[in-house]
Amino acid sequence: MKSLRRGLWDGEVGKDARGRFSCRICRRSLVARTEAEDGVERSCPDCGRAWKSRASPRWRTTGG
């Protein structure tokens, strides 16, 4: 299973104007499933591909 960042880089996953992730192959929004220790797994309901992201971000911006 690829990471969500790698899916964005490869062009398999895209973001819309509101920041939602979508599958670029099927053009459907990804469904998120939270796992306690492993992070968040996002999958496409049509093609079944899945991508994984970390539980917490490595850095945060302060907006300043």
PDB file of N, CA and C in Angstrom:
ATOM      1  N   MET A   1       0.844  -1.171   0.000  1.00  0.00           N
ATOM      2  CA  MET A   1       0.000   0.000   0.000  1.00  0.00           C
ATOM      3  C   MET A   1       0.898   1.245   0.000  1.00  0.00           C
ATOM      4  N   LYS A   2       0.597   2.156  -0.887  1.00  0.00           N
ATOM      5  CA  LYS A   2       1.379   3.387  -0.993  1.00  0.00           C
ATOM      6  C   LYS A   2       0.930   4.400   0.050  1.00  0.00           C
ATOM      7  N   SER A   3       1.796   5.361   0.291  1.00  0.00           N
ATOM      8  CA  SER A   3       1.409   6.459   1.171  1.00  0.00           C
ATOM      9  C   SER A   3       0.579   7.455   0.359  1.00  0.00           C
ATOM     10  N   LEU A   4      -0.166   8.274   1.051  1.00  0.00           N
ATOM     11  CA  LEU A   4      -1.008   9.275   0.396  1.00  0.00           C
ATOM     12  C   LEU A   4      -0.140  10.296  -0.335  1.00  0.00           C
ATOM     13  N   ARG A   5       0.979  10.645   0.248  1.00  0.00           N
ATOM     14  CA  ARG A   5       1.896  11.594  -0.376  1.00  0.00           C
ATOM     15  C   ARG A   5       2.446  11.031  -1.688  1.00  0.00           C
ATOM     16  N   ARG A   6       2.784   9.740  -1.688  1.00  0.00           N
ATOM     17  CA  ARG A   6       3.290   9.103  -2.902  1.00  0.00           C
ATOM     18  C   ARG A   6       2.197   9.024  -3.969  1.00  0.00           C
ATOM     19  N   GLY A   7       0.960   8.801  -3.558  1.00  0.00           N
ATOM     20  CA  GLY A   7      -0.153   8.797  -4.496  1.00  0.00           C
ATOM     21  C   GLY A   7      -0.378  10.151  -5.143  1.00  0.00           C
ATOM     22  N   LEU A   8      -0.193  11.212  -4.373  1.00  0.00           N
ATOM     23  CA  LEU A   8      -0.285  12.564  -4.926  1.00  0.00           C
ATOM     24  C   LEU A   8       0.841  12.805  -5.929  1.00  0.00           C
ATOM     25  N   TRP A   9       2.043  12.361  -5.578  1.00  0.00           N
ATOM     26  CA  TRP A   9       3.206  12.561  -6.439  1.00  0.00           C
ATOM     27  C   TRP A   9       3.063  11.789  -7.752  1.00  0.00           C
ATOM     28  N   ASP A  10       2.550  10.568  -7.688  1.00  0.00           N
ATOM     29  CA  ASP A  10       2.394   9.734  -8.879  1.00  0.00           C
ATOM     30  C   ASP A  10       1.194  10.130  -9.728  1.00  0.00           C
ATOM     31  N   GLY A  11       0.299  10.959  -9.200  1.00  0.00           N
ATOM     32  CA  GLY A  11      -0.864  11.403  -9.959  1.00  0.00           C
ATOM     33  C   GLY A  11      -2.075  10.503  -9.813  1.00  0.00           C
ATOM     34  N   GLU A  12      -2.043   9.559  -8.880  1.00  0.00           N
ATOM     35  CA  GLU A  12      -3.177   8.673  -8.654  1.00  0.00           C
ATOM     36  C   GLU A  12      -4.241   9.333  -7.784  1.00  0.00           C
ATOM     37  N   VAL A  13      -3.834  10.279  -6.941  1.00  0.00           N
ATOM     38  CA  VAL A  13      -4.726  10.977  -6.019  1.00  0.00           C
ATOM     39  C   VAL A  13      -4.646  12.469  -6.329  1.00  0.00           C
ATOM     40  N   GLY A  14      -5.776  13.147  -6.246  1.00  0.00           N
ATOM     41  CA  GLY A  14      -5.822  14.580  -6.464  1.00  0.00           C
ATOM     42  C   GLY A  14      -6.587  15.263  -5.346  1.00  0.00           C
ATOM     43  N   LYS A  15      -6.488  16.580  -5.311  1.00  0.00           N
ATOM     44  CA  LYS A  15      -7.226  17.373  -4.330  1.00  0.00           C
ATOM     45  C   LYS A  15      -8.100  18.360  -5.081  1.00  0.00           C
ATOM     46  N   ASP A  16      -9.322  18.570  -4.570  1.00  0.00           N
ATOM     47  CA  ASP A  16     -10.192  19.545  -5.195  1.00  0.00           C
ATOM     48  C   ASP A  16      -9.986  20.908  -4.540  1.00  0.00           C
ATOM     49  N   ALA A  17     -10.822  21.870  -4.889  1.00  0.00           N
ATOM     50  CA  ALA A  17     -10.669  23.232  -4.379  1.00  0.00           C
ATOM     51  C   ALA A  17     -10.887  23.330  -2.880  1.00  0.00           C
ATOM     52  N   ARG A  18     -11.620  22.401  -2.300  1.00  0.00           N
ATOM     53  CA  ARG A  18     -11.876  22.411  -0.860  1.00  0.00           C
ATOM     54  C   ARG A  18     -10.892  21.561  -0.079  1.00  0.00           C
ATOM     55  N   GLY A  19      -9.901  20.962  -0.737  1.00  0.00           N
ATOM     56  CA  GLY A  19      -8.891  20.174  -0.063  1.00  0.00           C
ATOM     57  C   GLY A  19      -9.249  18.725   0.176  1.00  0.00           C
ATOM     58  N   ARG A  20     -10.313  18.236  -0.455  1.00  0.00           N
ATOM     59  CA  ARG A  20     -10.708  16.828  -0.307  1.00  0.00           C
ATOM     60  C   ARG A  20      -9.918  15.981  -1.286  1.00  0.00           C
ATOM     61  N   PHE A  21      -9.541  14.778  -0.852  1.00  0.00           N
ATOM     62  CA  PHE A  21      -8.796  13.868  -1.704  1.00  0.00           C
ATOM     63  C   PHE A  21      -9.762  13.090  -2.583  1.00  0.00           C
ATOM     64  N   SER A  22      -9.343  12.847  -3.839  1.00  0.00           N
ATOM     65  CA  SER A  22     -10.164  12.065  -4.751  1.00  0.00           C
ATOM     66  C   SER A  22      -9.269  11.191  -5.617  1.00  0.00           C
ATOM     67  N   CYS A  23      -9.820  10.086  -6.076  1.00  0.00           N
ATOM     68  CA  CYS A  23      -9.121   9.161  -6.967  1.00  0.00           C
ATOM     69  C   CYS A  23      -9.165   9.764  -8.367  1.00  0.00           C
ATOM     70  N   ARG A  24      -8.016   9.918  -8.994  1.00  0.00           N
ATOM     71  CA  ARG A  24      -7.991  10.507 -10.329  1.00  0.00           C
ATOM     72  C   ARG A  24      -8.377   9.515 -11.410  1.00  0.00           C
ATOM     73  N   ILE A  25      -8.365   8.241 -11.093  1.00  0.00           N
ATOM     74  CA  ILE A  25      -8.740   7.231 -12.075  1.00  0.00           C
ATOM     75  C   ILE A  25     -10.260   7.141 -12.181  1.00  0.00           C
ATOM     76  N   CYS A  26     -10.938   7.076 -11.024  1.00  0.00           N
ATOM     77  CA  CYS A  26     -12.401   6.923 -10.988  1.00  0.00           C
ATOM     78  C   CYS A  26     -13.141   8.251 -10.827  1.00  0.00           C
ATOM     79  N   ARG A  27     -12.438   9.304 -10.424  1.00  0.00           N
ATOM     80  CA  ARG A  27     -13.054  10.621 -10.173  1.00  0.00           C
ATOM     81  C   ARG A  27     -14.039  10.585  -9.019  1.00  0.00           C
ATOM     82  N   ARG A  28     -13.760   9.773  -7.998  1.00  0.00           N
ATOM     83  CA  ARG A  28     -14.620   9.674  -6.813  1.00  0.00           C
ATOM     84  C   ARG A  28     -13.853  10.138  -5.589  1.00  0.00           C
ATOM     85  N   SER A  29     -14.554  10.682  -4.605  1.00  0.00           N
ATOM     86  CA  SER A  29     -13.935  11.084  -3.348  1.00  0.00           C
ATOM     87  C   SER A  29     -13.504   9.857  -2.563  1.00  0.00           C
ATOM     88  N   LEU A  30     -12.380   9.975  -1.869  1.00  0.00           N
ATOM     89  CA  LEU A  30     -11.862   8.859  -1.092  1.00  0.00           C
ATOM     90  C   LEU A  30     -12.587   8.764   0.244  1.00  0.00           C
ATOM     91  N   VAL A  31     -12.771   7.547   0.713  1.00  0.00           N
ATOM     92  CA  VAL A  31     -13.415   7.265   1.988  1.00  0.00           C
ATOM     93  C   VAL A  31     -12.317   7.035   3.014  1.00  0.00           C
ATOM     94  N   ALA A  32     -12.387   7.740   4.148  1.00  0.00           N
ATOM     95  CA  ALA A  32     -11.355   7.630   5.182  1.00  0.00           C
ATOM     96  C   ALA A  32     -11.781   6.652   6.260  1.00  0.00           C
ATOM     97  N   ARG A  33     -10.825   5.850   6.684  1.00  0.00           N
ATOM     98  CA  ARG A  33     -11.045   4.916   7.783  1.00  0.00           C
ATOM     99  C   ARG A  33      -9.887   5.096   8.759  1.00  0.00           C
ATOM    100  N   THR A  34     -10.187   5.486   9.990  1.00  0.00           N
ATOM    101  CA  THR A  34      -9.173   5.762  10.984  1.00  0.00           C
ATOM    102  C   THR A  34      -8.776   4.485  11.709  1.00  0.00           C
ATOM    103  N   GLU A  35      -7.464   4.281  11.812  1.00  0.00           N
ATOM    104  CA  GLU A  35      -6.932   3.173  12.581  1.00  0.00           C
ATOM    105  C   GLU A  35      -6.181   3.765  13.759  1.00  0.00           C
ATOM    106  N   ALA A  36      -6.263   3.136  14.909  1.00  0.00           N
ATOM    107  CA  ALA A  36      -5.744   3.703  16.157  1.00  0.00           C
ATOM    108  C   ALA A  36      -4.257   4.034  16.090  1.00  0.00           C
ATOM    109  N   GLU A  37      -3.421   3.073  15.774  1.00  0.00           N
ATOM    110  CA  GLU A  37      -1.983   3.316  15.822  1.00  0.00           C
ATOM    111  C   GLU A  37      -1.377   3.575  14.445  1.00  0.00           C
ATOM    112  N   ASP A  38      -2.007   3.071  13.408  1.00  0.00           N
ATOM    113  CA  ASP A  38      -1.403   3.123  12.088  1.00  0.00           C
ATOM    114  C   ASP A  38      -1.672   4.415  11.331  1.00  0.00           C
ATOM    115  N   GLY A  39      -2.656   5.172  11.706  1.00  0.00           N
ATOM    116  CA  GLY A  39      -2.975   6.396  11.009  1.00  0.00           C
ATOM    117  C   GLY A  39      -4.318   6.294  10.311  1.00  0.00           C
ATOM    118  N   VAL A  40      -4.433   6.943   9.153  1.00  0.00           N
ATOM    119  CA  VAL A  40      -5.681   6.982   8.403  1.00  0.00           C
ATOM    120  C   VAL A  40      -5.467   6.285   7.065  1.00  0.00           C
ATOM    121  N   GLU A  41      -6.367   5.380   6.734  1.00  0.00           N
ATOM    122  CA  GLU A  41      -6.333   4.716   5.440  1.00  0.00           C
ATOM    123  C   GLU A  41      -7.466   5.284   4.601  1.00  0.00           C
ATOM    124  N   ARG A  42      -7.144   5.786   3.422  1.00  0.00           N
ATOM    125  CA  ARG A  42      -8.144   6.329   2.516  1.00  0.00           C
ATOM    126  C   ARG A  42      -8.234   5.416   1.310  1.00  0.00           C
ATOM    127  N   SER A  43      -9.459   5.077   0.934  1.00  0.00           N
ATOM    128  CA  SER A  43      -9.639   4.146  -0.178  1.00  0.00           C
ATOM    129  C   SER A  43     -10.722   4.655  -1.119  1.00  0.00           C
ATOM    130  N   CYS A  44     -10.637   4.205  -2.359  1.00  0.00           N
ATOM    131  CA  CYS A  44     -11.620   4.550  -3.378  1.00  0.00           C
ATOM    132  C   CYS A  44     -12.732   3.511  -3.341  1.00  0.00           C
ATOM    133  N   PRO A  45     -13.990   3.929  -3.277  1.00  0.00           N
ATOM    134  CA  PRO A  45     -15.084   2.952  -3.222  1.00  0.00           C
ATOM    135  C   PRO A  45     -15.281   2.194  -4.530  1.00  0.00           C
ATOM    136  N   ASP A  46     -14.852   2.741  -5.671  1.00  0.00           N
ATOM    137  CA  ASP A  46     -15.065   2.079  -6.958  1.00  0.00           C
ATOM    138  C   ASP A  46     -13.966   1.074  -7.294  1.00  0.00           C
ATOM    139  N   CYS A  47     -12.711   1.531  -7.328  1.00  0.00           N
ATOM    140  CA  CYS A  47     -11.633   0.648  -7.785  1.00  0.00           C
ATOM    141  C   CYS A  47     -10.962  -0.114  -6.644  1.00  0.00           C
ATOM    142  N   GLY A  48     -11.161   0.303  -5.403  1.00  0.00           N
ATOM    143  CA  GLY A  48     -10.622  -0.430  -4.262  1.00  0.00           C
ATOM    144  C   GLY A  48      -9.176  -0.111  -3.919  1.00  0.00           C
ATOM    145  N   ARG A  49      -8.537   0.810  -4.614  1.00  0.00           N
ATOM    146  CA  ARG A  49      -7.171   1.198  -4.269  1.00  0.00           C
ATOM    147  C   ARG A  49      -7.171   1.919  -2.933  1.00  0.00           C
ATOM    148  N   ALA A  50      -6.056   1.786  -2.195  1.00  0.00           N
ATOM    149  CA  ALA A  50      -5.988   2.388  -0.865  1.00  0.00           C
ATOM    150  C   ALA A  50      -4.644   3.078  -0.672  1.00  0.00           C
ATOM    151  N   TRP A  51      -4.654   4.154   0.102  1.00  0.00           N
ATOM    152  CA  TRP A  51      -3.463   4.908   0.447  1.00  0.00           C
ATOM    153  C   TRP A  51      -3.478   5.163   1.944  1.00  0.00           C
ATOM    154  N   LYS A  52      -2.309   5.224   2.543  1.00  0.00           N
ATOM    155  CA  LYS A  52      -2.203   5.375   3.984  1.00  0.00           C
ATOM    156  C   LYS A  52      -1.491   6.673   4.322  1.00  0.00           C
ATOM    157  N   SER A  53      -1.930   7.339   5.387  1.00  0.00           N
ATOM    158  CA  SER A  53      -1.256   8.551   5.860  1.00  0.00           C
ATOM    159  C   SER A  53      -0.944   8.390   7.339  1.00  0.00           C
ATOM    160  N   ARG A  54      -0.048   9.221   7.828  1.00  0.00           N
ATOM    161  CA  ARG A  54       0.386   9.146   9.223  1.00  0.00           C
ATOM    162  C   ARG A  54      -0.725   9.552  10.181  1.00  0.00           C
ATOM    163  N   ALA A  55      -0.574   9.124  11.439  1.00  0.00           N
ATOM    164  CA  ALA A  55      -1.567   9.461  12.458  1.00  0.00           C
ATOM    165  C   ALA A  55      -1.501  10.940  12.809  1.00  0.00           C
ATOM    166  N   SER A  56      -0.309  11.483  12.881  1.00  0.00           N
ATOM    167  CA  SER A  56      -0.152  12.904  13.196  1.00  0.00           C
ATOM    168  C   SER A  56       0.863  13.506  12.226  1.00  0.00           C
ATOM    169  N   PRO A  57       0.692  14.763  11.864  1.00  0.00           N
ATOM    170  CA  PRO A  57       1.647  15.374  10.944  1.00  0.00           C
ATOM    171  C   PRO A  57       3.008  15.553  11.596  1.00  0.00           C
ATOM    172  N   ARG A  58       4.047  15.534  10.762  1.00  0.00           N
ATOM    173  CA  ARG A  58       5.396  15.699  11.286  1.00  0.00           C
ATOM    174  C   ARG A  58       5.673  17.136  11.681  1.00  0.00           C
ATOM    175  N   TRP A  59       5.023  18.089  11.067  1.00  0.00           N
ATOM    176  CA  TRP A  59       5.237  19.496  11.384  1.00  0.00           C
ATOM    177  C   TRP A  59       3.911  20.218  11.260  1.00  0.00           C
ATOM    178  N   ARG A  60       3.840  21.359  11.871  1.00  0.00           N
ATOM    179  CA  ARG A  60       2.641  22.200  11.791  1.00  0.00           C
ATOM    180  C   ARG A  60       3.055  23.627  11.461  1.00  0.00           C
ATOM    181  N   THR A  61       2.212  24.300  10.731  1.00  0.00           N
ATOM    182  CA  THR A  61       2.474  25.707  10.443  1.00  0.00           C
ATOM    183  C   THR A  61       1.702  26.548  11.450  1.00  0.00           C
ATOM    184  N   THR A  62       2.247  27.684  11.781  1.00  0.00           N
ATOM    185  CA  THR A  62       1.602  28.560  12.760  1.00  0.00           C
ATOM    186  C   THR A  62       0.840  29.686  12.109  1.00  0.00           C
ATOM    187  N   GLY A  63       1.005  29.859  10.816  1.00  0.00           N
ATOM    188  CA  GLY A  63       0.260  30.895  10.118  1.00  0.00           C
ATOM    189  C   GLY A  63       0.845  32.284  10.319  1.00  0.00           C
ATOM    190  N   GLY A  64       2.067  32.374  10.793  1.00  0.00           N
ATOM    191  CA  GLY A  64       2.634  33.683  11.046  1.00  0.00           C
ATOM    192  C   GLY A  64       3.892  33.989  10.358  1.00  0.00           C
TER     193      GLY A  64
END
